[in-house]
Amino acid sequence: EAHRQHPALFAAADFTPEERMGDIRGRLRGGDGGHFTCTAVLSDILVEHAEKNFPQRLATLYPMAWR
């Protein structure tokens, strides 16, 4: 839903917003497109995105011990 409303939030240095969202979807679904589906990798991608775009919100939702 966030990607549908604001695709630019998913831009990354190495991906367009559409490519980034496709990468995230592939990792969540697993098995298609040769995506490595390790949850640690997916978590790192999403946390990096949140740190860059929503640092205050992440600080309130993500326990310090998990960082």
N, C-alpha and C. Protein backbone atom coordinates (compact mmCIF):
# COMPACT_ATOMS: atom_id res chain seq x y z
N GLU A 1 0.83 -1.19 0.00
CA GLU A 1 0.00 0.00 0.00
C GLU A 1 0.88 1.25 0.00
N ALA A 2 1.92 1.24 0.82
CA ALA A 2 2.81 2.41 0.85
C ALA A 2 3.45 2.63 -0.51
N HIS A 3 3.85 1.56 -1.17
CA HIS A 3 4.46 1.70 -2.50
C HIS A 3 3.46 2.24 -3.50
N ARG A 4 2.22 1.80 -3.40
CA ARG A 4 1.19 2.28 -4.33
C ARG A 4 0.95 3.77 -4.16
N GLN A 5 0.93 4.25 -2.93
CA GLN A 5 0.64 5.66 -2.67
C GLN A 5 1.84 6.57 -2.89
N HIS A 6 3.03 6.10 -2.54
CA HIS A 6 4.24 6.93 -2.63
C HIS A 6 5.42 6.10 -3.12
N PRO A 7 5.46 5.73 -4.40
CA PRO A 7 6.53 4.86 -4.89
C PRO A 7 7.93 5.44 -4.70
N ALA A 8 8.08 6.75 -4.70
CA ALA A 8 9.41 7.35 -4.56
C ALA A 8 10.06 7.01 -3.23
N LEU A 9 9.27 6.67 -2.21
CA LEU A 9 9.85 6.30 -0.92
C LEU A 9 10.69 5.04 -1.01
N PHE A 10 10.48 4.24 -2.05
CA PHE A 10 11.18 2.98 -2.18
C PHE A 10 12.38 3.07 -3.11
N ALA A 11 12.77 4.27 -3.50
CA ALA A 11 13.95 4.43 -4.35
C ALA A 11 15.20 4.08 -3.55
N ALA A 12 16.18 3.54 -4.22
CA ALA A 12 17.46 3.23 -3.61
C ALA A 12 18.54 3.54 -4.64
N ALA A 13 19.77 3.65 -4.18
CA ALA A 13 20.86 3.99 -5.09
C ALA A 13 20.99 2.98 -6.23
N ASP A 14 20.71 1.73 -5.95
CA ASP A 14 20.89 0.69 -6.95
C ASP A 14 19.60 0.17 -7.57
N PHE A 15 18.46 0.74 -7.20
CA PHE A 15 17.16 0.28 -7.71
C PHE A 15 16.25 1.47 -7.97
N THR A 16 15.38 1.35 -8.98
CA THR A 16 14.28 2.29 -9.11
C THR A 16 13.24 1.88 -8.06
N PRO A 17 12.25 2.74 -7.75
CA PRO A 17 11.22 2.33 -6.78
C PRO A 17 10.53 1.03 -7.16
N GLU A 18 10.25 0.84 -8.45
CA GLU A 18 9.57 -0.37 -8.89
C GLU A 18 10.47 -1.60 -8.73
N GLU A 19 11.76 -1.43 -9.06
CA GLU A 19 12.69 -2.56 -8.90
C GLU A 19 12.85 -2.92 -7.42
N ARG A 20 12.94 -1.91 -6.55
CA ARG A 20 13.09 -2.16 -5.12
C ARG A 20 11.88 -2.92 -4.58
N MET A 21 10.68 -2.47 -4.96
CA MET A 21 9.47 -3.14 -4.48
C MET A 21 9.40 -4.56 -5.04
N GLY A 22 9.79 -4.74 -6.29
CA GLY A 22 9.83 -6.08 -6.86
C GLY A 22 10.80 -6.99 -6.12
N ASP A 23 11.94 -6.43 -5.72
CA ASP A 23 12.92 -7.19 -4.94
C ASP A 23 12.34 -7.60 -3.59
N ILE A 24 11.69 -6.67 -2.92
CA ILE A 24 11.08 -6.96 -1.61
C ILE A 24 9.99 -8.02 -1.77
N ARG A 25 9.13 -7.87 -2.78
CA ARG A 25 8.07 -8.87 -3.01
C ARG A 25 8.66 -10.25 -3.27
N GLY A 26 9.69 -10.30 -4.11
CA GLY A 26 10.32 -11.57 -4.42
C GLY A 26 10.89 -12.25 -3.19
N ARG A 27 11.48 -11.47 -2.31
CA ARG A 27 12.05 -12.04 -1.08
C ARG A 27 10.95 -12.53 -0.15
N LEU A 28 9.84 -11.80 -0.09
CA LEU A 28 8.73 -12.23 0.76
C LEU A 28 8.08 -13.51 0.24
N ARG A 29 7.95 -13.61 -1.07
CA ARG A 29 7.31 -14.78 -1.68
C ARG A 29 8.25 -15.97 -1.74
N GLY A 30 9.52 -15.69 -1.98
CA GLY A 30 10.53 -16.74 -2.07
C GLY A 30 10.38 -17.58 -3.32
N GLY A 31 11.49 -18.14 -3.76
CA GLY A 31 11.46 -19.10 -4.84
C GLY A 31 11.33 -18.56 -6.25
N ASP A 32 10.89 -17.33 -6.44
CA ASP A 32 10.77 -16.82 -7.81
C ASP A 32 11.81 -15.73 -8.05
N GLY A 33 12.35 -15.70 -9.24
CA GLY A 33 13.29 -14.66 -9.60
C GLY A 33 14.67 -14.82 -8.99
N GLY A 34 14.95 -15.95 -8.39
CA GLY A 34 16.26 -16.18 -7.81
C GLY A 34 16.57 -15.33 -6.60
N HIS A 35 15.56 -14.83 -5.92
CA HIS A 35 15.79 -14.00 -4.75
C HIS A 35 16.26 -14.84 -3.56
N PHE A 36 17.25 -14.35 -2.87
CA PHE A 36 17.70 -14.97 -1.63
C PHE A 36 16.70 -14.55 -0.57
N THR A 37 16.07 -15.51 0.10
CA THR A 37 14.92 -15.20 0.95
C THR A 37 15.23 -15.15 2.44
N CYS A 38 16.48 -15.08 2.81
CA CYS A 38 16.84 -15.02 4.22
C CYS A 38 16.13 -13.84 4.88
N THR A 39 15.46 -14.10 5.98
CA THR A 39 14.72 -13.02 6.65
C THR A 39 15.65 -11.95 7.18
N ALA A 40 16.89 -12.28 7.50
CA ALA A 40 17.84 -11.27 7.96
C ALA A 40 18.15 -10.28 6.84
N VAL A 41 18.29 -10.78 5.61
CA VAL A 41 18.55 -9.90 4.47
C VAL A 41 17.35 -8.99 4.23
N LEU A 42 16.16 -9.56 4.23
CA LEU A 42 14.95 -8.77 4.03
C LEU A 42 14.79 -7.74 5.15
N SER A 43 15.03 -8.14 6.37
CA SER A 43 14.93 -7.22 7.50
C SER A 43 15.92 -6.07 7.34
N ASP A 44 17.15 -6.37 6.94
CA ASP A 44 18.16 -5.32 6.74
C ASP A 44 17.72 -4.32 5.68
N ILE A 45 17.14 -4.82 4.58
CA ILE A 45 16.66 -3.93 3.52
C ILE A 45 15.58 -3.00 4.05
N LEU A 46 14.61 -3.55 4.77
CA LEU A 46 13.49 -2.75 5.26
C LEU A 46 13.92 -1.79 6.37
N VAL A 47 14.82 -2.22 7.25
CA VAL A 47 15.30 -1.33 8.32
C VAL A 47 16.14 -0.20 7.74
N GLU A 48 16.98 -0.50 6.76
CA GLU A 48 17.76 0.55 6.10
C GLU A 48 16.84 1.59 5.49
N HIS A 49 15.79 1.14 4.84
CA HIS A 49 14.81 2.04 4.24
C HIS A 49 14.15 2.91 5.32
N ALA A 50 13.75 2.29 6.42
CA ALA A 50 13.10 3.04 7.50
C ALA A 50 14.06 4.02 8.16
N GLU A 51 15.32 3.63 8.34
CA GLU A 51 16.30 4.54 8.95
C GLU A 51 16.49 5.79 8.10
N LYS A 52 16.50 5.60 6.78
CA LYS A 52 16.71 6.72 5.88
C LYS A 52 15.48 7.63 5.79
N ASN A 53 14.29 7.05 5.80
CA ASN A 53 13.08 7.81 5.54
C ASN A 53 12.25 8.15 6.78
N PHE A 54 12.34 7.33 7.82
CA PHE A 54 11.49 7.51 9.00
C PHE A 54 12.25 7.23 10.29
N PRO A 55 13.38 7.90 10.54
CA PRO A 55 14.21 7.54 11.69
C PRO A 55 13.50 7.68 13.04
N GLN A 56 12.69 8.72 13.22
CA GLN A 56 12.00 8.89 14.50
C GLN A 56 10.97 7.79 14.72
N ARG A 57 10.23 7.44 13.70
CA ARG A 57 9.22 6.39 13.81
C ARG A 57 9.89 5.05 14.11
N LEU A 58 10.99 4.77 13.41
CA LEU A 58 11.70 3.52 13.64
C LEU A 58 12.21 3.44 15.08
N ALA A 59 12.71 4.55 15.60
CA ALA A 59 13.23 4.56 16.97
C ALA A 59 12.15 4.22 17.99
N THR A 60 10.91 4.57 17.70
CA THR A 60 9.83 4.26 18.64
C THR A 60 9.30 2.84 18.48
N LEU A 61 9.48 2.24 17.32
CA LEU A 61 8.91 0.92 17.04
C LEU A 61 9.90 -0.24 17.11
N TYR A 62 11.16 0.04 16.88
CA TYR A 62 12.16 -1.01 16.75
C TYR A 62 13.05 -1.02 17.99
N PRO A 63 13.01 -2.06 18.80
CA PRO A 63 13.78 -2.08 20.05
C PRO A 63 15.28 -1.88 19.81
N MET A 64 15.91 -1.11 20.67
CA MET A 64 17.33 -0.81 20.55
C MET A 64 18.16 -2.11 20.52
N ALA A 65 17.76 -3.10 21.28
CA ALA A 65 18.50 -4.36 21.34
C ALA A 65 18.51 -5.10 20.01
N TRP A 66 17.58 -4.82 19.11
CA TRP A 66 17.50 -5.50 17.82
C TRP A 66 18.34 -4.82 16.75
N ARG A 67 18.87 -3.66 17.04
CA ARG A 67 19.65 -2.92 16.03
C ARG A 67 21.09 -3.32 16.02
